[in-house]
Amino acid sequence: MPSSVLSFAELLGQCERSAVHLELRDSYAPTDRFEAWKRGERIDWEDRASWWHPYDQLITDTVARGVAIRRARVVSDPVSDYIRWEHYVTRANVVAGEEVRWLPRRQATSIALPGNDFWLFDDTLLRVHHFSGDGVVVEDEITSASEVVKLCSAAFEAVWERAVPHHLYEI
């Protein structure tokens, strides 16, 4: 990532009211944690030290400052193994303080969705993720272009309104 692009922690640190994240892919680059899950290894949710990561603490600290953090995922049905795993590990996001919702892709047909995943901070600044075909982030782009911010904000809110809260979404 170019040094001129602020890190996620810096962007979240500047956030005052809200941060929303829209995820549109059915798979991302595999991680060691995903591979372990595919082998049948499961998280000991009672042993917080074994799964709590710096990201989780960053979210908790940000929410404690009064920033609402919401994540919406648009997923195909049937879900991919990657999405099945994401659903499983989303417990950590929720414990950290994120609100998470899921929307089956077939229910998103009438929503104008952007071509990329993004984070939107305080309805003014976008961090757009550009992925390779195999789900590796190749570049993050920061923009405050009002027409792009408006499109992404509207898309997120439309997905959020239709989506199912994490605790009710069964995979």
N, C-alpha and C. Protein backbone atom coordinates (compact mmCIF):
# COMPACT_ATOMS: atom_id res chain seq x y z
N MET A 1 0.86 -1.17 0.00
CA MET A 1 0.00 0.00 0.00
C MET A 1 0.91 1.23 0.00
N PRO A 2 0.66 2.20 -0.89
CA PRO A 2 1.49 3.40 -0.92
C PRO A 2 1.45 4.14 0.41
N SER A 3 2.57 4.75 0.76
CA SER A 3 2.66 5.43 2.06
C SER A 3 1.73 6.63 2.15
N SER A 4 1.26 7.15 1.01
CA SER A 4 0.37 8.31 1.05
C SER A 4 -1.05 7.92 1.47
N VAL A 5 -1.36 6.63 1.44
CA VAL A 5 -2.68 6.17 1.84
C VAL A 5 -2.65 5.92 3.35
N LEU A 6 -3.56 6.58 4.05
CA LEU A 6 -3.63 6.38 5.49
C LEU A 6 -3.97 4.94 5.81
N SER A 7 -3.43 4.44 6.90
CA SER A 7 -3.75 3.09 7.33
C SER A 7 -5.19 3.05 7.84
N PHE A 8 -5.73 1.83 7.94
CA PHE A 8 -7.08 1.66 8.46
C PHE A 8 -7.18 2.22 9.87
N ALA A 9 -6.17 1.94 10.70
CA ALA A 9 -6.19 2.43 12.08
C ALA A 9 -6.20 3.96 12.11
N GLU A 10 -5.47 4.60 11.22
CA GLU A 10 -5.46 6.07 11.16
C GLU A 10 -6.82 6.60 10.72
N LEU A 11 -7.41 5.96 9.71
CA LEU A 11 -8.73 6.40 9.25
C LEU A 11 -9.78 6.23 10.33
N LEU A 12 -9.74 5.10 11.02
CA LEU A 12 -10.69 4.87 12.10
C LEU A 12 -10.43 5.82 13.27
N GLY A 13 -9.16 6.13 13.50
CA GLY A 13 -8.80 7.06 14.57
C GLY A 13 -9.33 8.47 14.32
N GLN A 14 -9.47 8.85 13.07
CA GLN A 14 -10.00 10.17 12.71
C GLN A 14 -11.52 10.19 12.68
N CYS A 15 -12.13 9.03 12.68
CA CYS A 15 -13.58 8.90 12.57
C CYS A 15 -14.26 9.40 13.84
N GLU A 16 -15.35 10.13 13.67
CA GLU A 16 -16.05 10.71 14.82
C GLU A 16 -17.44 10.12 15.07
N ARG A 17 -18.13 9.66 14.00
CA ARG A 17 -19.52 9.22 14.17
C ARG A 17 -19.78 7.80 13.71
N SER A 18 -19.33 7.49 12.49
CA SER A 18 -19.69 6.18 11.94
C SER A 18 -18.65 5.67 10.95
N ALA A 19 -18.55 4.36 10.92
CA ALA A 19 -17.73 3.68 9.92
C ALA A 19 -18.55 2.49 9.44
N VAL A 20 -18.76 2.39 8.14
CA VAL A 20 -19.51 1.28 7.59
C VAL A 20 -18.67 0.55 6.56
N HIS A 21 -18.87 -0.75 6.50
CA HIS A 21 -18.07 -1.61 5.62
C HIS A 21 -19.01 -2.47 4.80
N LEU A 22 -18.90 -2.40 3.47
CA LEU A 22 -19.70 -3.25 2.59
C LEU A 22 -18.78 -4.27 1.95
N GLU A 23 -19.15 -5.55 2.10
CA GLU A 23 -18.39 -6.65 1.51
C GLU A 23 -19.26 -7.34 0.47
N LEU A 24 -18.69 -7.54 -0.71
CA LEU A 24 -19.47 -8.05 -1.83
C LEU A 24 -18.95 -9.36 -2.42
N ARG A 25 -17.79 -9.82 -1.99
CA ARG A 25 -17.18 -11.02 -2.57
C ARG A 25 -17.60 -12.28 -1.82
N ASP A 26 -17.61 -13.41 -2.52
CA ASP A 26 -17.90 -14.70 -1.90
C ASP A 26 -16.64 -15.39 -1.39
N SER A 27 -15.49 -14.85 -1.74
CA SER A 27 -14.24 -15.38 -1.18
C SER A 27 -13.16 -14.32 -1.29
N TYR A 28 -12.21 -14.46 -0.40
CA TYR A 28 -11.06 -13.56 -0.36
C TYR A 28 -9.83 -14.45 -0.31
N ALA A 29 -8.67 -13.84 -0.30
CA ALA A 29 -7.43 -14.63 -0.24
C ALA A 29 -7.45 -15.51 1.01
N PRO A 30 -7.11 -16.79 0.86
CA PRO A 30 -7.09 -17.69 2.01
C PRO A 30 -6.09 -17.22 3.07
N THR A 31 -6.42 -17.47 4.32
CA THR A 31 -5.53 -17.15 5.43
C THR A 31 -5.23 -18.44 6.20
N ASP A 32 -4.25 -18.37 7.06
CA ASP A 32 -3.93 -19.53 7.91
C ASP A 32 -5.14 -19.92 8.76
N ARG A 33 -5.86 -18.92 9.26
CA ARG A 33 -7.03 -19.19 10.10
C ARG A 33 -8.13 -19.90 9.30
N PHE A 34 -8.33 -19.49 8.05
CA PHE A 34 -9.33 -20.13 7.20
C PHE A 34 -8.92 -21.58 6.90
N GLU A 35 -7.65 -21.77 6.59
CA GLU A 35 -7.17 -23.12 6.29
C GLU A 35 -7.33 -24.02 7.52
N ALA A 36 -7.04 -23.50 8.71
CA ALA A 36 -7.20 -24.28 9.95
C ALA A 36 -8.68 -24.65 10.15
N TRP A 37 -9.57 -23.71 9.89
CA TRP A 37 -11.00 -23.98 10.02
C TRP A 37 -11.43 -25.09 9.05
N LYS A 38 -10.90 -25.03 7.81
CA LYS A 38 -11.25 -26.07 6.83
C LYS A 38 -10.77 -27.44 7.28
N ARG A 39 -9.68 -27.49 8.06
CA ARG A 39 -9.18 -28.75 8.59
C ARG A 39 -9.97 -29.21 9.82
N GLY A 40 -10.93 -28.41 10.24
CA GLY A 40 -11.77 -28.80 11.37
C GLY A 40 -11.38 -28.15 12.69
N GLU A 41 -10.35 -27.33 12.69
CA GLU A 41 -9.96 -26.64 13.93
C GLU A 41 -10.98 -25.55 14.23
N ARG A 42 -11.35 -25.43 15.50
CA ARG A 42 -12.34 -24.44 15.90
C ARG A 42 -11.77 -23.55 16.99
N ILE A 43 -12.32 -22.37 17.09
CA ILE A 43 -11.89 -21.37 18.07
C ILE A 43 -12.47 -21.73 19.43
N ASP A 44 -11.65 -21.60 20.45
CA ASP A 44 -12.14 -21.76 21.82
C ASP A 44 -12.61 -20.37 22.25
N TRP A 45 -13.87 -20.10 22.07
CA TRP A 45 -14.41 -18.77 22.34
C TRP A 45 -14.29 -18.38 23.82
N GLU A 46 -14.13 -19.36 24.69
CA GLU A 46 -13.94 -19.07 26.11
C GLU A 46 -12.53 -18.54 26.40
N ASP A 47 -11.58 -18.85 25.53
CA ASP A 47 -10.19 -18.42 25.69
C ASP A 47 -9.95 -17.19 24.80
N ARG A 48 -10.44 -16.05 25.27
CA ARG A 48 -10.38 -14.81 24.47
C ARG A 48 -8.97 -14.48 24.01
N ALA A 49 -7.97 -14.73 24.82
CA ALA A 49 -6.59 -14.41 24.45
C ALA A 49 -6.15 -15.16 23.19
N SER A 50 -6.76 -16.31 22.92
CA SER A 50 -6.36 -17.11 21.77
C SER A 50 -6.91 -16.57 20.44
N TRP A 51 -7.95 -15.76 20.49
CA TRP A 51 -8.53 -15.26 19.24
C TRP A 51 -8.63 -13.74 19.16
N TRP A 52 -8.46 -13.03 20.25
CA TRP A 52 -8.55 -11.56 20.26
C TRP A 52 -7.33 -10.99 19.54
N HIS A 53 -7.56 -10.18 18.53
CA HIS A 53 -6.48 -9.62 17.72
C HIS A 53 -6.45 -8.09 17.86
N PRO A 54 -5.36 -7.46 17.43
CA PRO A 54 -5.30 -5.99 17.47
C PRO A 54 -6.49 -5.33 16.77
N TYR A 55 -6.98 -5.94 15.68
CA TYR A 55 -8.15 -5.39 15.00
C TYR A 55 -9.35 -5.32 15.96
N ASP A 56 -9.57 -6.40 16.71
CA ASP A 56 -10.70 -6.43 17.63
C ASP A 56 -10.58 -5.32 18.67
N GLN A 57 -9.38 -5.10 19.17
CA GLN A 57 -9.17 -4.05 20.16
C GLN A 57 -9.39 -2.67 19.55
N LEU A 58 -8.94 -2.48 18.31
CA LEU A 58 -9.16 -1.21 17.62
C LEU A 58 -10.65 -0.92 17.48
N ILE A 59 -11.42 -1.93 17.13
CA ILE A 59 -12.87 -1.74 17.00
C ILE A 59 -13.48 -1.40 18.36
N THR A 60 -13.10 -2.16 19.39
CA THR A 60 -13.63 -1.91 20.73
C THR A 60 -13.31 -0.49 21.19
N ASP A 61 -12.09 -0.06 20.98
CA ASP A 61 -11.68 1.29 21.39
C ASP A 61 -12.44 2.36 20.61
N THR A 62 -12.67 2.12 19.33
CA THR A 62 -13.38 3.09 18.49
C THR A 62 -14.84 3.18 18.91
N VAL A 63 -15.47 2.04 19.14
CA VAL A 63 -16.87 2.04 19.59
C VAL A 63 -16.98 2.74 20.94
N ALA A 64 -15.99 2.54 21.80
CA ALA A 64 -16.00 3.19 23.12
C ALA A 64 -15.94 4.72 22.99
N ARG A 65 -15.39 5.22 21.89
CA ARG A 65 -15.36 6.67 21.64
C ARG A 65 -16.68 7.18 21.09
N GLY A 66 -17.64 6.27 20.87
CA GLY A 66 -18.95 6.69 20.36
C GLY A 66 -19.15 6.53 18.87
N VAL A 67 -18.23 5.87 18.20
CA VAL A 67 -18.34 5.64 16.75
C VAL A 67 -19.12 4.35 16.51
N ALA A 68 -20.18 4.43 15.73
CA ALA A 68 -20.96 3.24 15.36
C ALA A 68 -20.26 2.56 14.19
N ILE A 69 -20.01 1.25 14.33
CA ILE A 69 -19.35 0.50 13.27
C ILE A 69 -20.31 -0.58 12.79
N ARG A 70 -20.64 -0.51 11.50
CA ARG A 70 -21.57 -1.47 10.90
C ARG A 70 -20.90 -2.14 9.70
N ARG A 71 -21.15 -3.43 9.54
CA ARG A 71 -20.61 -4.22 8.43
C ARG A 71 -21.78 -4.96 7.79
N ALA A 72 -21.88 -4.89 6.46
CA ALA A 72 -22.90 -5.62 5.72
C ALA A 72 -22.22 -6.49 4.67
N ARG A 73 -22.69 -7.72 4.58
CA ARG A 73 -22.13 -8.65 3.61
C ARG A 73 -23.23 -9.11 2.66
N VAL A 74 -22.96 -9.00 1.37
CA VAL A 74 -23.85 -9.52 0.34
C VAL A 74 -23.24 -10.85 -0.10
N VAL A 75 -24.01 -11.93 0.04
CA VAL A 75 -23.47 -13.27 -0.20
C VAL A 75 -24.37 -14.09 -1.12
N SER A 76 -23.73 -14.96 -1.89
CA SER A 76 -24.46 -15.87 -2.76
C SER A 76 -25.05 -17.00 -1.94
N ASP A 77 -26.06 -17.65 -2.51
CA ASP A 77 -26.71 -18.78 -1.86
C ASP A 77 -26.75 -19.92 -2.86
N PRO A 78 -26.18 -21.07 -2.56
CA PRO A 78 -25.59 -21.42 -1.27
C PRO A 78 -24.27 -20.67 -1.07
N VAL A 79 -23.91 -20.50 0.19
CA VAL A 79 -22.70 -19.75 0.51
C VAL A 79 -21.45 -20.59 0.22
N SER A 80 -20.37 -19.89 -0.04
CA SER A 80 -19.08 -20.55 -0.25
C SER A 80 -18.51 -20.99 1.11
N ASP A 81 -17.51 -21.85 1.07
CA ASP A 81 -16.84 -22.23 2.32
C ASP A 81 -16.26 -21.00 2.99
N TYR A 82 -15.74 -20.07 2.20
CA TYR A 82 -15.15 -18.87 2.79
C TYR A 82 -16.21 -18.09 3.57
N ILE A 83 -17.39 -17.93 3.01
CA ILE A 83 -18.45 -17.21 3.70
C ILE A 83 -18.92 -17.99 4.92
N ARG A 84 -18.97 -19.30 4.82
CA ARG A 84 -19.33 -20.12 5.98
C ARG A 84 -18.34 -19.86 7.12
N TRP A 85 -17.05 -19.79 6.78
CA TRP A 85 -16.01 -19.49 7.77
C TRP A 85 -16.18 -18.06 8.31
N GLU A 86 -16.41 -17.09 7.41
CA GLU A 86 -16.61 -15.71 7.87
C GLU A 86 -17.77 -15.61 8.85
N HIS A 87 -18.83 -16.33 8.57
CA HIS A 87 -19.97 -16.32 9.48
C HIS A 87 -19.54 -16.84 10.85
N TYR A 88 -18.75 -17.89 10.85
CA TYR A 88 -18.26 -18.48 12.10
C TYR A 88 -17.40 -17.48 12.89
N VAL A 89 -16.45 -16.81 12.24
CA VAL A 89 -15.54 -15.91 12.95
C VAL A 89 -16.13 -14.53 13.21
N THR A 90 -17.31 -14.25 12.65
CA THR A 90 -17.94 -12.96 12.88
C THR A 90 -18.28 -12.75 14.34
N ARG A 91 -18.33 -13.81 15.10
CA ARG A 91 -18.55 -13.68 16.54
C ARG A 91 -17.54 -12.70 17.14
N ALA A 92 -16.30 -12.76 16.68
CA ALA A 92 -15.27 -11.84 17.19
C ALA A 92 -15.61 -10.39 16.84
N ASN A 93 -16.09 -10.14 15.62
CA ASN A 93 -16.48 -8.78 15.23
C ASN A 93 -17.57 -8.25 16.14
N VAL A 94 -18.55 -9.10 16.40
CA VAL A 94 -19.69 -8.69 17.23
C VAL A 94 -19.23 -8.43 18.67
N VAL A 95 -18.41 -9.31 19.21
CA VAL A 95 -17.89 -9.11 20.56
C VAL A 95 -17.10 -7.81 20.64
N ALA A 96 -16.36 -7.50 19.59
CA ALA A 96 -15.57 -6.26 19.56
C ALA A 96 -16.44 -5.01 19.50
N GLY A 97 -17.69 -5.15 19.01
CA GLY A 97 -18.58 -4.00 18.98
C GLY A 97 -19.19 -3.67 17.64
N GLU A 98 -18.87 -4.43 16.61
CA GLU A 98 -19.47 -4.19 15.30
C GLU A 98 -20.90 -4.71 15.27
N GLU A 99 -21.73 -4.03 14.51
CA GLU A 99 -23.04 -4.57 14.14
C GLU A 99 -22.83 -5.18 12.76
N VAL A 100 -23.27 -6.42 12.57
CA VAL A 100 -23.04 -7.12 11.31
C VAL A 100 -24.35 -7.67 10.79
N ARG A 101 -24.57 -7.48 9.49
CA ARG A 101 -25.76 -8.02 8.83
C ARG A 101 -25.36 -8.72 7.54
N TRP A 102 -26.24 -9.64 7.11
CA TRP A 102 -26.02 -10.47 5.94
C TRP A 102 -27.20 -10.32 4.99
N LEU A 103 -26.91 -10.20 3.69
CA LEU A 103 -27.98 -10.12 2.70
C LEU A 103 -27.71 -11.13 1.59
N PRO A 104 -28.62 -12.07 1.38
CA PRO A 104 -28.47 -12.97 0.24
C PRO A 104 -28.46 -12.15 -1.06
N ARG A 105 -27.54 -12.46 -1.95
CA ARG A 105 -27.35 -11.69 -3.18
C ARG A 105 -28.65 -11.58 -3.99
N ARG A 106 -29.47 -12.62 -3.98
CA ARG A 106 -30.72 -12.58 -4.77
C ARG A 106 -31.65 -11.47 -4.28
N GLN A 107 -31.47 -11.01 -3.05
CA GLN A 107 -32.30 -9.92 -2.53
C GLN A 107 -31.69 -8.55 -2.79
N ALA A 108 -30.55 -8.53 -3.47
CA ALA A 108 -29.87 -7.26 -3.76
C ALA A 108 -30.02 -6.83 -5.22
N THR A 109 -30.80 -7.56 -6.00
CA THR A 109 -30.90 -7.30 -7.43
C THR A 109 -31.29 -5.86 -7.75
N SER A 110 -32.18 -5.29 -7.00
CA SER A 110 -32.65 -3.93 -7.31
C SER A 110 -31.81 -2.84 -6.65
N ILE A 111 -30.69 -3.21 -6.04
CA ILE A 111 -29.80 -2.22 -5.41
C ILE A 111 -28.63 -1.95 -6.35
N ALA A 112 -28.35 -0.68 -6.60
CA ALA A 112 -27.18 -0.32 -7.39
C ALA A 112 -25.95 -0.46 -6.50
N LEU A 113 -25.22 -1.56 -6.71
CA LEU A 113 -24.05 -1.84 -5.88
C LEU A 113 -22.78 -1.39 -6.58
N PRO A 114 -21.83 -0.88 -5.81
CA PRO A 114 -20.54 -0.53 -6.41
C PRO A 114 -19.78 -1.81 -6.78
N GLY A 115 -18.75 -1.66 -7.56
CA GLY A 115 -17.98 -2.82 -8.00
C GLY A 115 -16.97 -3.32 -7.01
N ASN A 116 -16.78 -2.61 -5.91
CA ASN A 116 -15.74 -2.96 -4.96
C ASN A 116 -16.22 -2.85 -3.52
N ASP A 117 -15.58 -3.64 -2.67
CA ASP A 117 -15.79 -3.49 -1.22
C ASP A 117 -15.28 -2.12 -0.80
N PHE A 118 -15.82 -1.60 0.28
CA PHE A 118 -15.35 -0.31 0.77
C PHE A 118 -15.64 -0.13 2.24
N TRP A 119 -14.91 0.81 2.83
CA TRP A 119 -15.22 1.38 4.14
C TRP A 119 -15.62 2.83 3.89
N LEU A 120 -16.64 3.30 4.57
CA LEU A 120 -17.06 4.71 4.50
C LEU A 120 -16.99 5.28 5.91
N PHE A 121 -16.20 6.33 6.07
CA PHE A 121 -15.98 6.95 7.37
C PHE A 121 -16.73 8.28 7.46
N ASP A 122 -17.59 8.40 8.44
CA ASP A 122 -18.35 9.63 8.71
C ASP A 122 -19.08 10.16 7.48
N ASP A 123 -19.50 9.27 6.59
CA ASP A 123 -20.24 9.64 5.38
C ASP A 123 -19.49 10.64 4.50
N THR A 124 -18.15 10.69 4.63
CA THR A 124 -17.41 11.67 3.84
C THR A 124 -16.17 11.11 3.15
N LEU A 125 -15.61 10.03 3.66
CA LEU A 125 -14.35 9.53 3.13
C LEU A 125 -14.44 8.03 2.89
N LEU A 126 -14.10 7.61 1.68
CA LEU A 126 -14.16 6.20 1.30
C LEU A 126 -12.77 5.60 1.20
N ARG A 127 -12.65 4.37 1.69
CA ARG A 127 -11.47 3.55 1.42
C ARG A 127 -11.97 2.37 0.60
N VAL A 128 -11.64 2.36 -0.67
CA VAL A 128 -12.11 1.35 -1.61
C VAL A 128 -11.03 0.28 -1.75
N HIS A 129 -11.45 -0.98 -1.64
CA HIS A 129 -10.51 -2.10 -1.80
C HIS A 129 -10.58 -2.62 -3.23
N HIS A 130 -9.41 -2.72 -3.87
CA HIS A 130 -9.31 -3.32 -5.19
C HIS A 130 -8.64 -4.68 -5.03
N PHE A 131 -9.29 -5.73 -5.53
CA PHE A 131 -8.82 -7.10 -5.37
C PHE A 131 -8.37 -7.69 -6.70
N SER A 132 -7.44 -8.64 -6.63
CA SER A 132 -7.13 -9.47 -7.78
C SER A 132 -8.23 -10.53 -7.86
N GLY A 133 -8.22 -11.31 -8.91
CA GLY A 133 -9.25 -12.34 -9.08
C GLY A 133 -9.28 -13.38 -7.98
N ASP A 134 -8.13 -13.60 -7.33
CA ASP A 134 -8.09 -14.61 -6.27
C ASP A 134 -8.32 -14.03 -4.89
N GLY A 135 -8.75 -12.77 -4.82
CA GLY A 135 -9.15 -12.19 -3.54
C GLY A 135 -8.07 -11.49 -2.75
N VAL A 136 -6.93 -11.25 -3.37
CA VAL A 136 -5.85 -10.53 -2.70
C VAL A 136 -6.06 -9.03 -2.92
N VAL A 137 -5.95 -8.24 -1.86
CA VAL A 137 -6.05 -6.79 -2.01
C VAL A 137 -4.81 -6.32 -2.76
N VAL A 138 -5.00 -5.67 -3.90
CA VAL A 138 -3.87 -5.16 -4.67
C VAL A 138 -3.67 -3.67 -4.48
N GLU A 139 -4.72 -2.99 -4.03
CA GLU A 139 -4.61 -1.55 -3.81
C GLU A 139 -5.81 -1.06 -3.01
N ASP A 140 -5.57 -0.10 -2.16
CA ASP A 140 -6.64 0.62 -1.49
C ASP A 140 -6.62 2.04 -2.01
N GLU A 141 -7.78 2.53 -2.34
CA GLU A 141 -7.92 3.88 -2.88
C GLU A 141 -8.73 4.70 -1.89
N ILE A 142 -8.29 5.90 -1.61
CA ILE A 142 -9.02 6.82 -0.74
C ILE A 142 -9.64 7.90 -1.61
N THR A 143 -10.93 8.16 -1.39
CA THR A 143 -11.58 9.23 -2.13
C THR A 143 -12.63 9.90 -1.27
N SER A 144 -12.81 11.17 -1.53
CA SER A 144 -13.91 11.91 -0.91
C SER A 144 -14.79 12.53 -1.98
N ALA A 145 -14.66 12.04 -3.22
CA ALA A 145 -15.48 12.54 -4.33
C ALA A 145 -16.95 12.36 -3.97
N SER A 146 -17.68 13.47 -3.94
CA SER A 146 -19.05 13.45 -3.40
C SER A 146 -19.97 12.49 -4.12
N GLU A 147 -19.85 12.37 -5.44
CA GLU A 147 -20.75 11.47 -6.16
C GLU A 147 -20.47 10.00 -5.82
N VAL A 148 -19.21 9.66 -5.61
CA VAL A 148 -18.85 8.28 -5.25
C VAL A 148 -19.28 8.00 -3.80
N VAL A 149 -19.03 8.95 -2.92
CA VAL A 149 -19.44 8.79 -1.52
C VAL A 149 -20.95 8.62 -1.44
N LYS A 150 -21.68 9.43 -2.18
CA LYS A 150 -23.15 9.36 -2.16
C LYS A 150 -23.63 8.01 -2.68
N LEU A 151 -23.07 7.51 -3.77
CA LEU A 151 -23.45 6.20 -4.33
C LEU A 151 -23.18 5.09 -3.33
N CYS A 152 -21.98 5.09 -2.75
CA CYS A 152 -21.61 4.02 -1.82
C CYS A 152 -22.44 4.09 -0.53
N SER A 153 -22.69 5.27 -0.05
CA SER A 153 -23.51 5.42 1.15
C SER A 153 -24.92 4.89 0.90
N ALA A 154 -25.50 5.26 -0.24
CA ALA A 154 -26.85 4.79 -0.57
C ALA A 154 -26.88 3.28 -0.73
N ALA A 155 -25.86 2.72 -1.36
CA ALA A 155 -25.80 1.26 -1.53
C ALA A 155 -25.71 0.57 -0.18
N PHE A 156 -24.85 1.07 0.69
CA PHE A 156 -24.72 0.45 2.00
C PHE A 156 -26.04 0.49 2.75
N GLU A 157 -26.67 1.64 2.79
CA GLU A 157 -27.92 1.77 3.55
C GLU A 157 -29.03 0.90 2.97
N ALA A 158 -29.07 0.76 1.65
CA ALA A 158 -30.08 -0.11 1.03
C ALA A 158 -29.83 -1.57 1.41
N VAL A 159 -28.57 -1.99 1.40
CA VAL A 159 -28.24 -3.35 1.82
C VAL A 159 -28.57 -3.53 3.29
N TRP A 160 -28.17 -2.58 4.12
CA TRP A 160 -28.39 -2.67 5.57
C TRP A 160 -29.87 -2.83 5.90
N GLU A 161 -30.69 -2.07 5.20
CA GLU A 161 -32.14 -2.10 5.46
C GLU A 161 -32.75 -3.47 5.18
N ARG A 162 -32.23 -4.16 4.17
CA ARG A 162 -32.78 -5.47 3.79
C ARG A 162 -32.10 -6.64 4.49
N ALA A 163 -30.92 -6.41 5.01
CA ALA A 163 -30.09 -7.49 5.52
C ALA A 163 -30.58 -8.01 6.87
N VAL A 164 -30.13 -9.21 7.19
CA VAL A 164 -30.51 -9.91 8.42
C VAL A 164 -29.39 -9.76 9.44
N PRO A 165 -29.72 -9.40 10.68
CA PRO A 165 -28.68 -9.31 11.72
C PRO A 165 -27.93 -10.65 11.87
N HIS A 166 -26.66 -10.55 12.20
CA HIS A 166 -25.80 -11.73 12.28
C HIS A 166 -26.42 -12.84 13.12
N HIS A 167 -26.93 -12.52 14.28
CA HIS A 167 -27.44 -13.56 15.18
C HIS A 167 -28.68 -14.27 14.63
N LEU A 168 -29.30 -13.71 13.62
CA LEU A 168 -30.48 -14.34 13.01
C LEU A 168 -30.19 -15.01 11.67
N TYR A 169 -29.01 -14.76 11.12
CA TYR A 169 -28.67 -15.30 9.80
C TYR A 169 -28.04 -16.67 9.95
N GLU A 170 -28.74 -17.67 9.48
CA GLU A 170 -28.25 -19.04 9.61
C GLU A 170 -27.61 -19.50 8.31
N ILE A 171 -26.50 -20.17 8.50
CA ILE A 171 -25.78 -20.74 7.34
C ILE A 171 -25.79 -22.24 7.48
